[in-house]
Amino acid sequence: MCGTVLQSSVDVRGQCPKCSAELHSCRQCNFFDPGGRFECAQPVTARIESKTAKNECQFFALRSNLEKETTAGPPKVNSARAAFDALFKK
């Protein structure tokens, strides 16, 4: 919920160490789909009312996000006037 990076050894039955959000909840699940039936991509038989509360869903898989690091370097900083001049090759 708060975006804290968790270690791979974290207990999914517990809570977030920073914001105390339940980890084993619909909102933290890889299959959470607000547009799907019962808001889940899996064939669940009943809707779980609170998507942030701890639950015992058998399809639960902790959601993970991958962030890529880029090495493009710092962006070139040009003044607006220099960009305008370059456009018309003064």
Protein backbone atom coordinates (compact mmCIF):
# COMPACT_ATOMS: atom_id res chain seq x y z
CA MET A 1 0.00 0.00 0.00
CA CYS A 2 2.83 2.41 0.84
CA GLY A 3 5.30 1.25 -1.81
CA THR A 4 7.94 -0.06 0.59
CA VAL A 5 10.38 -2.50 -0.97
CA LEU A 6 10.13 -5.81 0.88
CA GLN A 7 12.73 -8.55 1.13
CA SER A 8 11.96 -11.84 -0.62
CA SER A 9 12.01 -13.59 2.76
CA VAL A 10 9.07 -11.55 4.11
CA ASP A 11 6.23 -13.52 5.73
CA VAL A 12 3.16 -12.92 3.54
CA ARG A 13 0.88 -13.78 6.46
CA GLY A 14 2.17 -10.71 8.31
CA GLN A 15 1.96 -6.95 7.86
CA CYS A 16 4.01 -4.32 6.10
CA PRO A 17 6.80 -3.18 8.43
CA LYS A 18 6.26 0.47 7.43
CA CYS A 19 2.48 1.03 7.18
CA SER A 20 1.13 -2.14 8.87
CA ALA A 21 -1.04 -3.05 5.86
CA GLU A 22 -1.98 -6.72 5.62
CA LEU A 23 0.17 -8.46 3.02
CA HIS A 24 -2.16 -11.43 2.42
CA SER A 25 -4.99 -9.32 1.00
CA CYS A 26 -6.60 -8.86 -2.39
CA ARG A 27 -4.92 -5.49 -3.00
CA GLN A 28 -1.49 -7.09 -2.55
CA CYS A 29 -2.26 -10.07 -4.81
CA ASN A 30 -0.93 -10.59 -8.31
CA PHE A 31 -4.42 -11.67 -9.42
CA PHE A 32 -6.28 -8.56 -8.17
CA ASP A 33 -8.30 -7.26 -11.11
CA PRO A 34 -10.81 -4.46 -10.45
CA GLY A 35 -12.53 -5.19 -13.76
CA GLY A 36 -12.83 -8.94 -13.24
CA ARG A 37 -15.56 -11.06 -11.67
CA PHE A 38 -15.38 -10.58 -7.89
CA GLU A 39 -12.37 -8.32 -8.70
CA CYS A 40 -10.12 -11.34 -9.24
CA ALA A 41 -8.47 -12.92 -12.29
CA GLN A 42 -8.86 -16.38 -10.72
CA PRO A 43 -12.09 -18.44 -10.54
CA VAL A 44 -13.07 -17.52 -6.97
CA THR A 45 -16.50 -18.71 -5.83
CA ALA A 46 -17.38 -15.81 -3.53
CA ARG A 47 -16.56 -12.10 -3.39
CA ILE A 48 -14.24 -10.99 -0.61
CA GLU A 49 -15.83 -7.84 0.80
CA SER A 50 -12.75 -5.91 2.00
CA LYS A 51 -9.89 -5.89 -0.49
CA THR A 52 -7.40 -4.58 2.10
CA ALA A 53 -8.24 -7.00 4.92
CA LYS A 54 -6.35 -10.22 5.57
CA ASN A 55 -7.95 -13.24 3.91
CA GLU A 56 -7.34 -16.94 3.32
CA CYS A 57 -7.66 -17.05 -0.47
CA GLN A 58 -6.08 -20.17 -1.96
CA PHE A 59 -5.07 -18.34 -5.17
CA PHE A 60 -3.04 -15.64 -3.40
CA ALA A 61 0.31 -14.75 -4.96
CA LEU A 62 2.17 -11.72 -3.60
CA ARG A 63 2.34 -9.03 -6.26
CA SER A 64 5.81 -7.94 -7.29
CA ASN A 65 6.97 -5.01 -9.38
CA LEU A 66 10.24 -4.88 -11.24
CA GLU A 67 12.00 -1.60 -11.75
CA LYS A 68 14.58 -1.26 -14.49
CA GLU A 69 17.69 0.81 -14.03
CA THR A 70 18.77 2.79 -17.05
CA THR A 71 22.25 4.03 -17.83
CA ALA A 72 21.39 6.70 -20.40
CA GLY A 73 23.18 9.34 -18.35
CA PRO A 74 21.95 12.74 -17.33
CA PRO A 75 19.68 14.53 -19.78
CA LYS A 76 21.16 17.35 -21.84
CA VAL A 77 20.06 20.72 -20.57
CA ASN A 78 19.53 23.30 -23.30
CA SER A 79 17.99 26.66 -22.93
CA ALA A 80 14.79 27.34 -24.76
CA ARG A 81 16.51 29.99 -26.85
CA ALA A 82 19.30 27.58 -27.91
CA ALA A 83 16.72 24.98 -28.92
CA PHE A 84 14.80 27.59 -30.93
CA ASP A 85 17.99 28.77 -32.66
CA ALA A 86 18.97 25.18 -33.46
CA LEU A 87 15.56 24.61 -35.00
CA PHE A 88 16.07 27.41 -37.51
CA LYS A 89 19.89 27.02 -37.70
CA LYS A 90 20.84 30.60 -37.00
